């Protein structure tokens, strides 16, 4: 197993490792690692003092190849209390993923602390091995530790799972709280699959995440449910949590189609 999802080559340039490989094609990445890589770029690009990312949205332009990647960031709307930043991920000079993030000034005591009513499930003692329904393992699945409270890989219906990354996003750098969330959250549509994976494709074309705080521990979880209309468009809704409670929500838009 690799030691990280990415290896730095130069400023804003990274080599993808086998830990990024998704379940469908050995040459294509799962959406989680590249989303986390853009999250890393946006966190490190600079923002108003005392602010943090409160909302981040991703648009997938195409599958992300297991290849050398580069990131580029810009400030779209500067501000002392609220800033909008954007980032792109390129492979072979082509944009494959775009993200925008709102950085919001966070000040202790500025507002009442009104917690979510979500009840945090206990962390199961047993790990679930990540395998595709045909029994094959894949790099991204092995790069995270999965402990299911409800559902499981290959099981249809809503799912709740705790996860822990086994490695840093970038070699030599510790995982940030936001990166822990992003490397996991794009798996929600698979964790809560509503149709058999080998018969149907339900590809996320975007990922929207809102966090009112960042996770406090290395274990983060998601409780997710996928619904679909009869016209080939679906959604996955996701509550994000850690040991202290729910801290955010995520949403994916799905393109749904029967496999050939």
C-alpha atoms as a PDB file:
ATOM      1  CA  UNK A   1       0.000   0.000   0.000  1.00  0.00           C
ATOM      2  CA  UNK A   2       1.331   3.501  -0.789  1.00  0.00           C
ATOM      3  CA  UNK A   3       2.275   5.877   2.041  1.00  0.00           C
ATOM      4  CA  UNK A   4       0.002   8.690   0.802  1.00  0.00           C
ATOM      5  CA  UNK A   5      -2.621   9.552  -1.792  1.00  0.00           C
ATOM      6  CA  UNK A   6      -0.301  12.028  -3.522  1.00  0.00           C
ATOM      7  CA  UNK A   7       3.407  12.759  -3.722  1.00  0.00           C
ATOM      8  CA  UNK A   8       4.532  16.382  -4.198  1.00  0.00           C
ATOM      9  CA  UNK A   9       6.581  16.985  -7.348  1.00  0.00           C
ATOM     10  CA  UNK A  10       6.779  20.784  -7.390  1.00  0.00           C
ATOM     11  CA  UNK A  11       4.713  23.667  -6.000  1.00  0.00           C
ATOM     12  CA  UNK A  12       1.052  22.891  -6.818  1.00  0.00           C
ATOM     13  CA  UNK A  13       2.024  19.716  -8.733  1.00  0.00           C
ATOM     14  CA  UNK A  14       1.442  16.172  -7.448  1.00  0.00           C
ATOM     15  CA  UNK A  15       1.858  12.557  -8.507  1.00  0.00           C
ATOM     16  CA  UNK A  16      -1.163  10.330  -7.884  1.00  0.00           C
ATOM     17  CA  UNK A  17      -0.504   7.026  -6.134  1.00  0.00           C
ATOM     18  CA  UNK A  18      -2.374   3.731  -6.312  1.00  0.00           C
ATOM     19  CA  UNK A  19      -4.295   4.769  -3.165  1.00  0.00           C
ATOM     20  CA  UNK A  20      -6.432   7.087  -5.318  1.00  0.00           C
ATOM     21  CA  UNK A  21      -7.705   4.315  -7.633  1.00  0.00           C
ATOM     22  CA  UNK A  22     -11.496   3.938  -7.713  1.00  0.00           C
ATOM     23  CA  UNK A  23     -13.545   0.752  -8.169  1.00  0.00           C
ATOM     24  CA  UNK A  24     -14.332   1.042 -11.876  1.00  0.00           C
ATOM     25  CA  UNK A  25     -11.030   1.483 -13.715  1.00  0.00           C
ATOM     26  CA  UNK A  26      -7.422   1.094 -12.545  1.00  0.00           C
ATOM     27  CA  UNK A  27      -6.544   4.242 -14.497  1.00  0.00           C
ATOM     28  CA  UNK A  28      -9.187   6.466 -12.856  1.00  0.00           C
ATOM     29  CA  UNK A  29      -9.356   7.984  -9.384  1.00  0.00           C
ATOM     30  CA  UNK A  30     -12.174   7.873  -6.881  1.00  0.00           C
ATOM     31  CA  UNK A  31     -13.624  11.369  -6.428  1.00  0.00           C
ATOM     32  CA  UNK A  32     -12.593  11.666  -2.770  1.00  0.00           C
ATOM     33  CA  UNK A  33      -8.810  12.160  -3.046  1.00  0.00           C
ATOM     34  CA  UNK A  34      -8.898  14.814  -5.830  1.00  0.00           C
ATOM     35  CA  UNK A  35     -11.637  16.703  -3.973  1.00  0.00           C
ATOM     36  CA  UNK A  36      -9.455  16.670  -0.855  1.00  0.00           C
ATOM     37  CA  UNK A  37      -6.493  17.857  -2.939  1.00  0.00           C
ATOM     38  CA  UNK A  38      -8.443  20.939  -4.046  1.00  0.00           C
ATOM     39  CA  UNK A  39      -9.589  21.432  -0.458  1.00  0.00           C
ATOM     40  CA  UNK A  40      -5.925  21.407   0.567  1.00  0.00           C
ATOM     41  CA  UNK A  41      -5.137  24.002  -2.112  1.00  0.00           C
ATOM     42  CA  UNK A  42      -7.978  26.281  -0.979  1.00  0.00           C
ATOM     43  CA  UNK A  43      -7.059  26.011   2.712  1.00  0.00           C
ATOM     44  CA  UNK A  44      -3.456  26.929   1.951  1.00  0.00           C
ATOM     45  CA  UNK A  45      -4.085  29.667  -0.604  1.00  0.00           C
ATOM     46  CA  UNK A  46      -4.768  32.331   2.024  1.00  0.00           C
ATOM     47  CA  UNK A  47      -7.935  33.760   3.566  1.00  0.00           C
ATOM     48  CA  UNK A  48      -8.929  36.516   6.030  1.00  0.00           C
ATOM     49  CA  UNK A  49      -7.370  36.118   9.478  1.00  0.00           C
ATOM     50  CA  UNK A  50      -9.567  34.032  11.771  1.00  0.00           C
ATOM     51  CA  UNK A  51     -11.689  32.606   8.949  1.00  0.00           C
ATOM     52  CA  UNK A  52     -12.197  29.029   7.810  1.00  0.00           C
ATOM     53  CA  UNK A  53     -13.941  27.256   4.963  1.00  0.00           C
ATOM     54  CA  UNK A  54     -17.641  26.914   5.777  1.00  0.00           C
ATOM     55  CA  UNK A  55     -18.900  25.787   2.353  1.00  0.00           C
ATOM     56  CA  UNK A  56     -17.097  24.089  -0.502  1.00  0.00           C
ATOM     57  CA  UNK A  57     -18.642  22.982  -3.795  1.00  0.00           C
ATOM     58  CA  UNK A  58     -17.106  20.741  -6.447  1.00  0.00           C
ATOM     59  CA  UNK A  59     -18.005  20.286 -10.105  1.00  0.00           C
ATOM     60  CA  UNK A  60     -16.587  17.184 -11.792  1.00  0.00           C
ATOM     61  CA  UNK A  61     -15.798  17.983 -15.416  1.00  0.00           C
ATOM     62  CA  UNK A  62     -14.592  14.462 -16.235  1.00  0.00           C
ATOM     63  CA  UNK A  63     -13.156  11.373 -14.548  1.00  0.00           C
ATOM     64  CA  UNK A  64      -9.814  12.167 -12.892  1.00  0.00           C
ATOM     65  CA  UNK A  65      -6.964  10.005 -14.242  1.00  0.00           C
ATOM     66  CA  UNK A  66      -4.317   8.415 -12.031  1.00  0.00           C
ATOM     67  CA  UNK A  67      -1.658  10.793 -13.296  1.00  0.00           C
ATOM     68  CA  UNK A  68       0.336  13.881 -12.410  1.00  0.00           C
ATOM     69  CA  UNK A  69      -2.001  16.696 -11.378  1.00  0.00           C
ATOM     70  CA  UNK A  70      -1.665  20.429 -10.834  1.00  0.00           C
ATOM     71  CA  UNK A  71      -3.767  22.867  -8.828  1.00  0.00           C
ATOM     72  CA  UNK A  72      -4.439  26.565  -9.317  1.00  0.00           C
ATOM     73  CA  UNK A  73      -6.292  28.903  -6.956  1.00  0.00           C
ATOM     74  CA  UNK A  74      -7.679  32.429  -7.111  1.00  0.00           C
ATOM     75  CA  UNK A  75      -9.655  34.818  -4.928  1.00  0.00           C
ATOM     76  CA  UNK A  76     -12.975  35.543  -6.638  1.00  0.00           C
ATOM     77  CA  UNK A  77     -14.503  37.827  -4.021  1.00  0.00           C
ATOM     78  CA  UNK A  78     -12.129  39.246  -1.381  1.00  0.00           C
ATOM     79  CA  UNK A  79     -13.399  40.396   1.987  1.00  0.00           C
ATOM     80  CA  UNK A  80     -12.358  40.821   5.603  1.00  0.00           C
ATOM     81  CA  UNK A  81     -15.203  38.679   6.976  1.00  0.00           C
ATOM     82  CA  UNK A  82     -16.302  36.627   3.958  1.00  0.00           C
ATOM     83  CA  UNK A  83     -14.161  35.550   1.003  1.00  0.00           C
ATOM     84  CA  UNK A  84     -14.952  33.432  -2.048  1.00  0.00           C
ATOM     85  CA  UNK A  85     -12.060  31.436  -3.502  1.00  0.00           C
ATOM     86  CA  UNK A  86     -11.878  29.080  -6.477  1.00  0.00           C
ATOM     87  CA  UNK A  87      -9.543  26.283  -7.464  1.00  0.00           C
ATOM     88  CA  UNK A  88      -9.068  24.021 -10.473  1.00  0.00           C
ATOM     89  CA  UNK A  89      -7.418  20.635 -10.847  1.00  0.00           C
ATOM     90  CA  UNK A  90      -5.673  19.887 -14.124  1.00  0.00           C
ATOM     91  CA  UNK A  91      -4.470  16.663 -15.707  1.00  0.00           C
ATOM     92  CA  UNK A  92      -2.427  16.946 -18.894  1.00  0.00           C
ATOM     93  CA  UNK A  93      -3.282  20.650 -19.066  1.00  0.00           C
ATOM     94  CA  UNK A  94      -7.030  19.951 -19.013  1.00  0.00           C
ATOM     95  CA  UNK A  95      -9.349  21.003 -16.170  1.00  0.00           C
ATOM     96  CA  UNK A  96     -10.966  17.896 -14.665  1.00  0.00           C
ATOM     97  CA  UNK A  97     -12.338  19.297 -11.396  1.00  0.00           C
ATOM     98  CA  UNK A  98     -13.323  22.754 -10.128  1.00  0.00           C
ATOM     99  CA  UNK A  99     -14.111  23.916  -6.601  1.00  0.00           C
ATOM    100  CA  UNK A 100     -15.351  27.116  -4.997  1.00  0.00           C
ATOM    101  CA  UNK A 101     -15.181  27.811  -1.271  1.00  0.00           C
ATOM    102  CA  UNK A 102     -16.618  30.407   1.076  1.00  0.00           C
ATOM    103  CA  UNK A 103     -14.213  31.389   3.859  1.00  0.00           C
ATOM    104  CA  UNK A 104     -16.170  32.843   6.782  1.00  0.00           C
ATOM    105  CA  UNK A 105     -14.809  34.710   9.805  1.00  0.00           C
ATOM    106  CA  UNK A 106     -15.257  32.488  12.899  1.00  0.00           C
ATOM    107  CA  UNK A 107     -15.355  34.280  16.283  1.00  0.00           C
ATOM    108  CA  UNK A 108     -16.034  32.449  19.551  1.00  0.00           C
ATOM    109  CA  UNK A 109     -19.208  33.723  21.238  1.00  0.00           C
ATOM    110  CA  UNK A 110     -20.567  35.614  18.218  1.00  0.00           C
ATOM    111  CA  UNK A 111     -23.698  33.432  18.128  1.00  0.00           C
ATOM    112  CA  UNK A 112     -25.518  30.922  20.347  1.00  0.00           C
ATOM    113  CA  UNK A 113     -24.355  27.313  20.098  1.00  0.00           C
ATOM    114  CA  UNK A 114     -27.417  25.430  18.787  1.00  0.00           C
ATOM    115  CA  UNK A 115     -26.500  21.784  18.279  1.00  0.00           C
ATOM    116  CA  UNK A 116     -28.012  19.305  15.835  1.00  0.00           C
ATOM    117  CA  UNK A 117     -30.446  16.709  17.194  1.00  0.00           C
ATOM    118  CA  UNK A 118     -28.523  13.969  15.352  1.00  0.00           C
ATOM    119  CA  UNK A 119     -27.568  11.109  17.676  1.00  0.00           C
ATOM    120  CA  UNK A 120     -23.987   9.956  17.116  1.00  0.00           C
ATOM    121  CA  UNK A 121     -23.801   6.171  16.730  1.00  0.00           C
ATOM    122  CA  UNK A 122     -21.200   4.168  18.610  1.00  0.00           C
ATOM    123  CA  UNK A 123     -18.031   3.259  16.729  1.00  0.00           C
ATOM    124  CA  UNK A 124     -18.342  -0.440  15.788  1.00  0.00           C
ATOM    125  CA  UNK A 125     -15.535  -2.734  16.886  1.00  0.00           C
ATOM    126  CA  UNK A 126     -15.354  -4.558  13.554  1.00  0.00           C
ATOM    127  CA  UNK A 127     -13.860  -3.179  10.349  1.00  0.00           C
ATOM    128  CA  UNK A 128     -15.523  -3.789   6.976  1.00  0.00           C
ATOM    129  CA  UNK A 129     -13.218  -4.617   4.085  1.00  0.00           C
ATOM    130  CA  UNK A 130     -13.964  -2.443   1.064  1.00  0.00           C
ATOM    131  CA  UNK A 131     -14.731  -4.664  -1.886  1.00  0.00           C
ATOM    132  CA  UNK A 132     -16.675  -4.029  -5.058  1.00  0.00           C
ATOM    133  CA  UNK A 133     -19.770  -6.266  -5.496  1.00  0.00           C
ATOM    134  CA  UNK A 134     -17.747  -8.541  -7.816  1.00  0.00           C
ATOM    135  CA  UNK A 135     -15.285  -9.133  -4.962  1.00  0.00           C
ATOM    136  CA  UNK A 136     -12.414  -7.008  -6.228  1.00  0.00           C
ATOM    137  CA  UNK A 137     -10.482  -4.650  -3.944  1.00  0.00           C
ATOM    138  CA  UNK A 138      -9.348  -1.197  -5.078  1.00  0.00           C
ATOM    139  CA  UNK A 139      -6.773   1.310  -3.875  1.00  0.00           C
ATOM    140  CA  UNK A 140      -9.085   3.955  -2.465  1.00  0.00           C
ATOM    141  CA  UNK A 141     -11.150   1.354  -0.621  1.00  0.00           C
ATOM    142  CA  UNK A 142      -8.036   0.016   1.105  1.00  0.00           C
ATOM    143  CA  UNK A 143      -6.731   3.505   1.899  1.00  0.00           C
ATOM    144  CA  UNK A 144      -9.567   4.165   4.367  1.00  0.00           C
ATOM    145  CA  UNK A 145     -10.756   2.134   7.318  1.00  0.00           C
ATOM    146  CA  UNK A 146     -14.532   1.555   7.173  1.00  0.00           C
ATOM    147  CA  UNK A 147     -16.778   0.604  10.098  1.00  0.00           C
ATOM    148  CA  UNK A 148     -20.465   0.355   9.198  1.00  0.00           C
ATOM    149  CA  UNK A 149     -23.248   1.085  11.671  1.00  0.00           C
ATOM    150  CA  UNK A 150     -25.970   0.528   9.062  1.00  0.00           C
ATOM    151  CA  UNK A 151     -25.746  -0.939   5.575  1.00  0.00           C
ATOM    152  CA  UNK A 152     -22.503  -2.012   3.947  1.00  0.00           C
ATOM    153  CA  UNK A 153     -20.701  -2.336   0.636  1.00  0.00           C
ATOM    154  CA  UNK A 154     -23.034  -4.037  -1.822  1.00  0.00           C
ATOM    155  CA  UNK A 155     -26.096  -3.557   0.410  1.00  0.00           C
ATOM    156  CA  UNK A 156     -28.920  -1.417  -0.967  1.00  0.00           C
ATOM    157  CA  UNK A 157     -30.424   1.430   1.010  1.00  0.00           C
ATOM    158  CA  UNK A 158     -29.339   4.131   3.424  1.00  0.00           C
ATOM    159  CA  UNK A 159     -25.971   3.701   5.079  1.00  0.00           C
ATOM    160  CA  UNK A 160     -24.112   5.005   8.128  1.00  0.00           C
ATOM    161  CA  UNK A 161     -20.370   4.486   8.408  1.00  0.00           C
ATOM    162  CA  UNK A 162     -17.360   5.662  10.400  1.00  0.00           C
ATOM    163  CA  UNK A 163     -14.126   6.163   8.456  1.00  0.00           C
ATOM    164  CA  UNK A 164     -10.483   6.842   9.176  1.00  0.00           C
ATOM    165  CA  UNK A 165      -7.829   7.578   6.572  1.00  0.00           C
ATOM    166  CA  UNK A 166      -4.863   5.223   6.850  1.00  0.00           C
ATOM    167  CA  UNK A 167      -2.439   7.723   5.293  1.00  0.00           C
ATOM    168  CA  UNK A 168      -1.890  11.432   4.711  1.00  0.00           C
ATOM    169  CA  UNK A 169      -3.325  13.126   1.655  1.00  0.00           C
ATOM    170  CA  UNK A 170       0.100  14.456   0.633  1.00  0.00           C
ATOM    171  CA  UNK A 171       3.319  12.709   1.621  1.00  0.00           C
ATOM    172  CA  UNK A 172       4.993  14.408   4.561  1.00  0.00           C
ATOM    173  CA  UNK A 173       1.969  16.546   5.534  1.00  0.00           C
ATOM    174  CA  UNK A 174      -0.611  15.812   8.250  1.00  0.00           C
ATOM    175  CA  UNK A 175      -4.271  15.531   7.296  1.00  0.00           C
ATOM    176  CA  UNK A 176      -6.386  18.573   8.144  1.00  0.00           C
ATOM    177  CA  UNK A 177      -9.925  18.208   9.455  1.00  0.00           C
ATOM    178  CA  UNK A 178     -11.366  19.401   6.148  1.00  0.00           C
ATOM    179  CA  UNK A 179      -9.231  16.924   4.193  1.00  0.00           C
ATOM    180  CA  UNK A 180     -10.534  14.059   6.368  1.00  0.00           C
ATOM    181  CA  UNK A 181     -14.083  15.031   5.419  1.00  0.00           C
ATOM    182  CA  UNK A 182     -13.398  15.518   1.722  1.00  0.00           C
ATOM    183  CA  UNK A 183     -11.473  12.301   1.203  1.00  0.00           C
ATOM    184  CA  UNK A 184     -14.538  10.440   2.535  1.00  0.00           C
ATOM    185  CA  UNK A 185     -17.656  12.358   1.485  1.00  0.00           C
ATOM    186  CA  UNK A 186     -17.750  11.548  -2.244  1.00  0.00           C
ATOM    187  CA  UNK A 187     -18.241   7.880  -1.324  1.00  0.00           C
ATOM    188  CA  UNK A 188     -21.721   8.623   0.069  1.00  0.00           C
ATOM    189  CA  UNK A 189     -23.613   7.589  -3.089  1.00  0.00           C
ATOM    190  CA  UNK A 190     -21.869   4.210  -3.021  1.00  0.00           C
ATOM    191  CA  UNK A 191     -22.345   3.710   0.713  1.00  0.00           C
ATOM    192  CA  UNK A 192     -26.096   4.356   0.271  1.00  0.00           C
ATOM    193  CA  UNK A 193     -26.563   2.753  -3.152  1.00  0.00           C
ATOM    194  CA  UNK A 194     -30.237   2.523  -4.074  1.00  0.00           C
ATOM    195  CA  UNK A 195     -29.683   0.275  -7.113  1.00  0.00           C
ATOM    196  CA  UNK A 196     -27.305  -2.670  -7.791  1.00  0.00           C
ATOM    197  CA  UNK A 197     -23.864  -1.288  -8.675  1.00  0.00           C
ATOM    198  CA  UNK A 198     -23.176  -3.854 -11.384  1.00  0.00           C
ATOM    199  CA  UNK A 199     -26.473  -3.144 -13.172  1.00  0.00           C
ATOM    200  CA  UNK A 200     -26.754   0.628 -12.798  1.00  0.00           C
ATOM    201  CA  UNK A 201     -24.467   3.640 -12.887  1.00  0.00           C
ATOM    202  CA  UNK A 202     -25.240   6.624 -10.651  1.00  0.00           C
ATOM    203  CA  UNK A 203     -22.386   9.019 -11.152  1.00  0.00           C
ATOM    204  CA  UNK A 204     -22.038  12.136  -8.970  1.00  0.00           C
ATOM    205  CA  UNK A 205     -21.522  15.212 -11.119  1.00  0.00           C
ATOM    206  CA  UNK A 206     -20.982  17.504  -8.141  1.00  0.00           C
ATOM    207  CA  UNK A 207     -20.449  17.561  -4.382  1.00  0.00           C
ATOM    208  CA  UNK A 208     -21.611  20.310  -2.012  1.00  0.00           C
ATOM    209  CA  UNK A 209     -20.410  20.372   1.595  1.00  0.00           C
ATOM    210  CA  UNK A 210     -21.354  22.791   4.382  1.00  0.00           C
ATOM    211  CA  UNK A 211     -19.523  22.519   7.712  1.00  0.00           C
ATOM    212  CA  UNK A 212     -20.353  24.624  10.775  1.00  0.00           C
ATOM    213  CA  UNK A 213     -17.201  23.271  12.399  1.00  0.00           C
ATOM    214  CA  UNK A 214     -14.416  20.882  11.445  1.00  0.00           C
ATOM    215  CA  UNK A 215     -14.079  17.392  12.934  1.00  0.00           C
ATOM    216  CA  UNK A 216     -12.159  17.156  16.184  1.00  0.00           C
ATOM    217  CA  UNK A 217     -10.868  13.579  15.808  1.00  0.00           C
ATOM    218  CA  UNK A 218      -9.339  11.297  13.184  1.00  0.00           C
ATOM    219  CA  UNK A 219     -12.576   9.282  12.989  1.00  0.00           C
ATOM    220  CA  UNK A 220     -15.302  10.946  10.916  1.00  0.00           C
ATOM    221  CA  UNK A 221     -18.603   9.494   9.805  1.00  0.00           C
ATOM    222  CA  UNK A 222     -21.474   9.974   7.426  1.00  0.00           C
ATOM    223  CA  UNK A 223     -25.111   8.961   7.474  1.00  0.00           C
ATOM    224  CA  UNK A 224     -26.426   9.064   3.927  1.00  0.00           C
ATOM    225  CA  UNK A 225     -29.442   8.227   1.785  1.00  0.00           C
ATOM    226  CA  UNK A 226     -29.838   8.150  -1.984  1.00  0.00           C
ATOM    227  CA  UNK A 227     -33.122   8.880  -3.761  1.00  0.00           C
ATOM    228  CA  UNK A 228     -33.894   8.921  -7.478  1.00  0.00           C
ATOM    229  CA  UNK A 229     -36.560  10.172  -9.822  1.00  0.00           C
ATOM    230  CA  UNK A 230     -37.913   8.248 -12.798  1.00  0.00           C
ATOM    231  CA  UNK A 231     -36.075  10.505 -15.268  1.00  0.00           C
ATOM    232  CA  UNK A 232     -32.484   9.523 -14.453  1.00  0.00           C
ATOM    233  CA  UNK A 233     -31.601  12.221 -11.894  1.00  0.00           C
ATOM    234  CA  UNK A 234     -30.851  11.344  -8.291  1.00  0.00           C
ATOM    235  CA  UNK A 235     -29.538  12.900  -5.096  1.00  0.00           C
ATOM    236  CA  UNK A 236     -27.551  11.687  -2.116  1.00  0.00           C
ATOM    237  CA  UNK A 237     -28.055  13.553   1.156  1.00  0.00           C
ATOM    238  CA  UNK A 238     -25.501  13.121   3.898  1.00  0.00           C
ATOM    239  CA  UNK A 239     -25.103  14.111   7.561  1.00  0.00           C
ATOM    240  CA  UNK A 240     -21.450  14.432   8.588  1.00  0.00           C
ATOM    241  CA  UNK A 241     -20.461  13.650  12.166  1.00  0.00           C
ATOM    242  CA  UNK A 242     -17.653  12.905  14.599  1.00  0.00           C
ATOM    243  CA  UNK A 243     -17.556  11.852  18.241  1.00  0.00           C
ATOM    244  CA  UNK A 244     -18.889  15.233  19.367  1.00  0.00           C
ATOM    245  CA  UNK A 245     -21.956  15.292  17.117  1.00  0.00           C
ATOM    246  CA  UNK A 246     -23.071  16.297  13.633  1.00  0.00           C
ATOM    247  CA  UNK A 247     -20.971  19.088  12.172  1.00  0.00           C
ATOM    248  CA  UNK A 248     -22.159  19.443   8.580  1.00  0.00           C
ATOM    249  CA  UNK A 249     -24.151  18.265   5.584  1.00  0.00           C
ATOM    250  CA  UNK A 250     -23.275  17.093   2.088  1.00  0.00           C
ATOM    251  CA  UNK A 251     -25.260  16.747  -1.122  1.00  0.00           C
ATOM    252  CA  UNK A 252     -24.527  15.043  -4.437  1.00  0.00           C
ATOM    253  CA  UNK A 253     -26.379  15.272  -7.767  1.00  0.00           C
ATOM    254  CA  UNK A 254     -26.398  11.932  -9.610  1.00  0.00           C
ATOM    255  CA  UNK A 255     -26.653  10.984 -13.266  1.00  0.00           C
ATOM    256  CA  UNK A 256     -28.491   7.623 -13.301  1.00  0.00           C
ATOM    257  CA  UNK A 257     -28.508   5.103 -16.140  1.00  0.00           C
ATOM    258  CA  UNK A 258     -28.718   1.327 -16.600  1.00  0.00           C
ATOM    259  CA  UNK A 259     -25.393  -0.183 -17.613  1.00  0.00           C
ATOM    260  CA  UNK A 260     -25.076  -1.574 -21.124  1.00  0.00           C
END
